[in-house]
């Protein structure tokens, strides 16, 4: 019985250390997340499908939202793996414009 308690205690200790390490890694990953919105020349559902079918595969892309009505492309990405310029270049490579949309607060 003592052997079982020792093994159980060892498992609990190892689990605590692994959860702590995972939490630290998650926090570090979240610190490197950046967002950008591009105004683009997308003008049809086919354009949206083309962007949605290609941009998520760019290195570092975590989230993508394409709005046909506003002609915008929102991207959440890992700043350690890519940057705004590379993402804009990927959109241009698909045949569309990609001008960064600056928030109203930043304009002032």
N, C-alpha and C. Protein backbone atom coordinates (compact mmCIF):
# COMPACT_ATOMS: atom_id res chain seq x y z
N UNK A 1 0.82 -1.20 0.00
CA UNK A 1 0.00 0.00 0.00
C UNK A 1 0.86 1.26 0.00
N UNK A 2 1.99 1.21 0.76
CA UNK A 2 2.89 2.35 0.79
C UNK A 2 3.49 2.61 -0.58
N UNK A 3 3.78 1.54 -1.29
CA UNK A 3 4.34 1.66 -2.64
C UNK A 3 3.35 2.38 -3.56
N UNK A 4 2.10 2.04 -3.46
CA UNK A 4 1.05 2.67 -4.27
C UNK A 4 0.95 4.17 -3.96
N UNK A 5 1.00 4.54 -2.71
CA UNK A 5 0.90 5.95 -2.31
C UNK A 5 2.11 6.72 -2.83
N UNK A 6 3.29 6.13 -2.79
CA UNK A 6 4.49 6.78 -3.30
C UNK A 6 4.37 7.03 -4.81
N UNK A 7 3.89 6.04 -5.52
CA UNK A 7 3.72 6.17 -6.97
C UNK A 7 2.67 7.23 -7.29
N UNK A 8 1.58 7.22 -6.56
CA UNK A 8 0.53 8.21 -6.77
C UNK A 8 1.03 9.62 -6.49
N UNK A 9 1.78 9.79 -5.45
CA UNK A 9 2.35 11.08 -5.09
C UNK A 9 3.32 11.55 -6.18
N UNK A 10 4.13 10.66 -6.71
CA UNK A 10 5.06 11.00 -7.79
C UNK A 10 4.31 11.44 -9.04
N UNK A 11 3.23 10.75 -9.37
CA UNK A 11 2.43 11.12 -10.53
C UNK A 11 1.81 12.50 -10.35
N UNK A 12 1.31 12.79 -9.17
CA UNK A 12 0.71 14.10 -8.89
C UNK A 12 1.75 15.20 -9.02
N UNK A 13 2.94 14.98 -8.51
CA UNK A 13 4.01 15.99 -8.60
C UNK A 13 4.40 16.24 -10.05
N UNK A 14 4.57 15.19 -10.82
CA UNK A 14 4.91 15.34 -12.23
C UNK A 14 3.81 16.08 -12.97
N UNK A 15 2.56 15.76 -12.68
CA UNK A 15 1.43 16.43 -13.33
C UNK A 15 1.42 17.92 -13.00
N UNK A 16 1.71 18.27 -11.76
CA UNK A 16 1.72 19.68 -11.37
C UNK A 16 2.80 20.45 -12.14
N UNK A 17 3.98 19.87 -12.29
CA UNK A 17 5.04 20.52 -13.03
C UNK A 17 4.70 20.67 -14.51
N UNK A 18 4.08 19.66 -15.08
CA UNK A 18 3.74 19.74 -16.50
C UNK A 18 2.64 20.76 -16.75
N UNK A 19 1.66 20.86 -15.86
CA UNK A 19 0.61 21.87 -16.02
C UNK A 19 1.19 23.28 -15.91
N UNK A 20 2.13 23.47 -15.00
CA UNK A 20 2.77 24.77 -14.83
C UNK A 20 3.56 25.14 -16.08
N UNK A 21 4.30 24.21 -16.62
CA UNK A 21 5.08 24.46 -17.83
C UNK A 21 4.17 24.78 -19.01
N UNK A 22 3.07 24.06 -19.13
CA UNK A 22 2.11 24.31 -20.20
C UNK A 22 1.50 25.70 -20.07
N UNK A 23 1.17 26.12 -18.87
CA UNK A 23 0.60 27.45 -18.65
C UNK A 23 1.60 28.53 -19.02
N UNK A 24 2.86 28.34 -18.69
CA UNK A 24 3.89 29.31 -19.05
C UNK A 24 4.07 29.38 -20.55
N UNK A 25 4.06 28.25 -21.24
CA UNK A 25 4.19 28.24 -22.70
C UNK A 25 3.00 28.92 -23.36
N UNK A 26 1.80 28.67 -22.85
CA UNK A 26 0.59 29.28 -23.40
C UNK A 26 0.66 30.80 -23.25
N UNK A 27 1.08 31.26 -22.08
CA UNK A 27 1.19 32.70 -21.83
C UNK A 27 2.21 33.32 -22.78
N UNK A 28 3.31 32.65 -22.99
CA UNK A 28 4.36 33.15 -23.89
C UNK A 28 3.83 33.24 -25.32
N UNK A 29 3.07 32.23 -25.76
CA UNK A 29 2.50 32.24 -27.11
C UNK A 29 1.51 33.38 -27.27
N UNK A 30 0.70 33.64 -26.24
CA UNK A 30 -0.31 34.68 -26.31
C UNK A 30 0.32 36.07 -26.38
N UNK A 31 1.51 36.25 -25.79
CA UNK A 31 2.19 37.53 -25.83
C UNK A 31 2.65 37.88 -27.24
N UNK A 32 2.86 36.90 -28.08
CA UNK A 32 3.37 37.12 -29.43
C UNK A 32 2.27 37.24 -30.48
N UNK A 33 1.02 37.22 -30.07
CA UNK A 33 -0.09 37.29 -31.02
C UNK A 33 -0.36 38.75 -31.39
N UNK A 34 -0.43 39.00 -32.68
CA UNK A 34 -0.72 40.34 -33.19
C UNK A 34 -1.91 40.26 -34.15
N UNK A 35 -2.47 41.40 -34.47
CA UNK A 35 -3.63 41.46 -35.36
C UNK A 35 -3.41 42.54 -36.40
N UNK A 36 -3.96 42.32 -37.57
CA UNK A 36 -3.92 43.33 -38.63
C UNK A 36 -5.18 43.19 -39.47
N UNK A 37 -5.66 44.33 -39.97
CA UNK A 37 -6.80 44.33 -40.88
C UNK A 37 -6.37 45.01 -42.16
N UNK A 38 -6.61 44.36 -43.27
CA UNK A 38 -6.28 44.91 -44.58
C UNK A 38 -7.56 45.27 -45.32
N UNK A 39 -7.52 46.41 -46.01
CA UNK A 39 -8.57 46.75 -46.96
C UNK A 39 -8.09 46.18 -48.28
N UNK A 40 -8.94 45.43 -48.95
CA UNK A 40 -8.52 44.70 -50.13
C UNK A 40 -9.46 44.95 -51.30
N UNK A 41 -9.07 44.45 -52.46
CA UNK A 41 -9.88 44.59 -53.67
C UNK A 41 -10.78 43.38 -53.91
N UNK A 42 -11.07 42.61 -52.87
CA UNK A 42 -11.98 41.47 -53.03
C UNK A 42 -13.37 42.01 -53.36
N UNK A 43 -14.03 41.38 -54.32
CA UNK A 43 -15.33 41.92 -54.73
C UNK A 43 -16.39 40.86 -55.04
N UNK A 44 -16.09 39.60 -54.71
CA UNK A 44 -17.09 38.56 -54.96
C UNK A 44 -16.86 37.39 -53.99
N UNK A 45 -17.81 36.49 -53.97
CA UNK A 45 -17.71 35.32 -53.09
C UNK A 45 -16.52 34.44 -53.48
N UNK A 46 -16.19 34.42 -54.77
CA UNK A 46 -15.04 33.64 -55.22
C UNK A 46 -13.74 34.19 -54.66
N UNK A 47 -13.66 35.52 -54.57
CA UNK A 47 -12.47 36.15 -53.97
C UNK A 47 -12.34 35.75 -52.50
N UNK A 48 -13.45 35.79 -51.80
CA UNK A 48 -13.45 35.42 -50.39
C UNK A 48 -12.99 33.97 -50.24
N UNK A 49 -13.52 33.11 -51.06
CA UNK A 49 -13.16 31.69 -50.99
C UNK A 49 -11.68 31.48 -51.29
N UNK A 50 -11.15 32.23 -52.24
CA UNK A 50 -9.74 32.12 -52.59
C UNK A 50 -8.85 32.56 -51.43
N UNK A 51 -9.21 33.66 -50.78
CA UNK A 51 -8.43 34.15 -49.64
C UNK A 51 -8.55 33.17 -48.48
N UNK A 52 -9.77 32.74 -48.17
CA UNK A 52 -9.98 31.80 -47.07
C UNK A 52 -9.33 30.44 -47.31
N UNK A 53 -9.13 30.10 -48.57
CA UNK A 53 -8.52 28.82 -48.90
C UNK A 53 -7.00 28.84 -48.90
N UNK A 54 -6.41 30.04 -48.90
CA UNK A 54 -4.95 30.12 -49.00
C UNK A 54 -4.26 30.77 -47.80
N UNK A 55 -4.77 31.87 -47.32
CA UNK A 55 -4.09 32.63 -46.27
C UNK A 55 -3.94 31.85 -44.96
N UNK A 56 -4.91 31.04 -44.54
CA UNK A 56 -4.70 30.29 -43.28
C UNK A 56 -3.48 29.38 -43.30
N UNK A 57 -2.98 29.05 -44.46
CA UNK A 57 -1.82 28.17 -44.57
C UNK A 57 -0.50 28.93 -44.53
N UNK A 58 -0.57 30.25 -44.49
CA UNK A 58 0.64 31.04 -44.33
C UNK A 58 1.19 30.80 -42.93
N UNK A 59 2.48 30.76 -42.81
CA UNK A 59 3.15 30.49 -41.54
C UNK A 59 2.74 31.54 -40.50
N UNK A 60 2.30 31.09 -39.33
CA UNK A 60 1.99 31.98 -38.22
C UNK A 60 0.54 32.44 -38.13
N UNK A 61 -0.27 32.21 -39.15
CA UNK A 61 -1.66 32.68 -39.12
C UNK A 61 -2.46 31.84 -38.13
N UNK A 62 -3.14 32.53 -37.21
CA UNK A 62 -3.94 31.87 -36.18
C UNK A 62 -5.44 32.01 -36.43
N UNK A 63 -5.85 33.13 -37.05
CA UNK A 63 -7.28 33.36 -37.29
C UNK A 63 -7.42 34.24 -38.51
N UNK A 64 -8.49 34.04 -39.26
CA UNK A 64 -8.74 34.81 -40.47
C UNK A 64 -10.23 35.06 -40.60
N UNK A 65 -10.58 36.31 -40.87
CA UNK A 65 -11.97 36.67 -41.14
C UNK A 65 -11.98 37.57 -42.36
N UNK A 66 -12.78 37.21 -43.35
CA UNK A 66 -12.89 38.00 -44.57
C UNK A 66 -14.30 38.56 -44.64
N UNK A 67 -14.41 39.88 -44.82
CA UNK A 67 -15.69 40.54 -44.89
C UNK A 67 -15.84 41.14 -46.29
N UNK A 68 -16.70 40.54 -47.09
CA UNK A 68 -16.90 40.99 -48.47
C UNK A 68 -17.54 42.36 -48.51
N UNK A 69 -18.49 42.60 -47.63
CA UNK A 69 -19.21 43.87 -47.61
C UNK A 69 -18.27 45.06 -47.36
N UNK A 70 -17.37 44.91 -46.41
CA UNK A 70 -16.41 45.98 -46.09
C UNK A 70 -15.12 45.87 -46.90
N UNK A 71 -14.97 44.78 -47.63
CA UNK A 71 -13.76 44.46 -48.38
C UNK A 71 -12.53 44.46 -47.46
N UNK A 72 -12.67 43.80 -46.31
CA UNK A 72 -11.57 43.74 -45.36
C UNK A 72 -11.17 42.30 -45.08
N UNK A 73 -9.92 42.16 -44.70
CA UNK A 73 -9.36 40.87 -44.33
C UNK A 73 -8.70 41.06 -42.97
N UNK A 74 -9.22 40.39 -41.95
CA UNK A 74 -8.69 40.47 -40.59
C UNK A 74 -7.85 39.22 -40.35
N UNK A 75 -6.64 39.42 -39.85
CA UNK A 75 -5.76 38.29 -39.58
C UNK A 75 -5.17 38.43 -38.19
N UNK A 76 -5.25 37.35 -37.42
CA UNK A 76 -4.56 37.26 -36.14
C UNK A 76 -3.40 36.31 -36.39
N UNK A 77 -2.19 36.74 -35.99
CA UNK A 77 -1.01 35.95 -36.33
C UNK A 77 0.04 35.96 -35.22
N UNK A 78 0.93 34.99 -35.29
CA UNK A 78 2.05 34.88 -34.37
C UNK A 78 3.17 35.76 -34.91
N UNK A 79 3.49 36.84 -34.19
CA UNK A 79 4.48 37.81 -34.65
C UNK A 79 5.90 37.25 -34.67
N UNK A 80 6.13 36.11 -34.04
CA UNK A 80 7.46 35.51 -34.10
C UNK A 80 7.67 34.69 -35.38
N UNK A 81 6.56 34.43 -36.09
CA UNK A 81 6.66 33.60 -37.28
C UNK A 81 6.39 34.36 -38.58
N UNK A 82 5.72 35.50 -38.50
CA UNK A 82 5.42 36.28 -39.70
C UNK A 82 5.21 37.74 -39.30
N UNK A 83 4.95 38.58 -40.29
CA UNK A 83 4.67 39.98 -40.00
C UNK A 83 3.66 40.52 -41.01
N UNK A 84 3.26 41.76 -40.83
CA UNK A 84 2.24 42.37 -41.68
C UNK A 84 2.65 42.39 -43.14
N UNK A 85 3.91 42.68 -43.38
CA UNK A 85 4.40 42.77 -44.76
C UNK A 85 4.30 41.43 -45.49
N UNK A 86 4.66 40.36 -44.80
CA UNK A 86 4.58 39.03 -45.43
C UNK A 86 3.13 38.65 -45.69
N UNK A 87 2.25 38.99 -44.77
CA UNK A 87 0.83 38.67 -44.96
C UNK A 87 0.25 39.48 -46.11
N UNK A 88 0.62 40.76 -46.18
CA UNK A 88 0.15 41.59 -47.29
C UNK A 88 0.67 41.04 -48.62
N UNK A 89 1.92 40.61 -48.63
CA UNK A 89 2.50 40.04 -49.85
C UNK A 89 1.77 38.77 -50.28
N UNK A 90 1.34 37.97 -49.31
CA UNK A 90 0.59 36.75 -49.63
C UNK A 90 -0.76 37.08 -50.27
N UNK A 91 -1.39 38.16 -49.79
CA UNK A 91 -2.68 38.58 -50.36
C UNK A 91 -2.46 39.12 -51.77
N UNK A 92 -1.43 39.93 -51.94
CA UNK A 92 -1.10 40.49 -53.26
C UNK A 92 -0.78 39.36 -54.24
N UNK A 93 -0.10 38.33 -53.76
CA UNK A 93 0.24 37.19 -54.62
C UNK A 93 -1.02 36.50 -55.15
N UNK A 94 -2.11 36.58 -54.38
CA UNK A 94 -3.38 36.00 -54.84
C UNK A 94 -4.08 36.88 -55.87
N UNK A 95 -3.58 38.10 -56.05
CA UNK A 95 -4.14 39.00 -57.06
C UNK A 95 -4.99 40.13 -56.51
N UNK A 96 -4.89 40.40 -55.23
CA UNK A 96 -5.70 41.45 -54.60
C UNK A 96 -4.80 42.50 -53.96
N UNK A 97 -5.36 43.67 -53.72
CA UNK A 97 -4.61 44.69 -52.99
C UNK A 97 -4.69 44.38 -51.50
N UNK A 98 -3.75 44.95 -50.74
CA UNK A 98 -3.74 44.73 -49.29
C UNK A 98 -3.13 45.96 -48.62
N UNK A 99 -4.01 46.90 -48.29
CA UNK A 99 -3.57 48.10 -47.58
C UNK A 99 -4.02 48.00 -46.14
N UNK A 100 -3.09 48.22 -45.23
CA UNK A 100 -3.43 48.09 -43.82
C UNK A 100 -4.46 49.14 -43.42
N UNK A 101 -5.48 48.68 -42.73
CA UNK A 101 -6.53 49.57 -42.22
C UNK A 101 -6.09 50.05 -40.85
N UNK A 102 -5.98 51.36 -40.72
CA UNK A 102 -5.55 51.95 -39.45
C UNK A 102 -6.79 52.30 -38.65
N UNK A 103 -6.80 51.90 -37.38
CA UNK A 103 -7.94 52.16 -36.50
C UNK A 103 -8.10 53.67 -36.29
N UNK A 104 -9.32 54.10 -36.03
CA UNK A 104 -9.61 55.52 -35.84
C UNK A 104 -8.80 56.12 -34.69
N UNK A 105 -8.59 55.37 -33.61
CA UNK A 105 -7.84 55.88 -32.46
C UNK A 105 -6.38 56.15 -32.84
N UNK A 106 -5.83 55.33 -33.74
CA UNK A 106 -4.44 55.49 -34.15
C UNK A 106 -4.24 56.68 -35.07
N UNK A 107 -5.29 57.08 -35.79
CA UNK A 107 -5.19 58.20 -36.73
C UNK A 107 -5.01 59.52 -36.01
N UNK A 108 -5.53 59.63 -34.80
CA UNK A 108 -5.49 60.90 -34.07
C UNK A 108 -4.17 61.18 -33.43
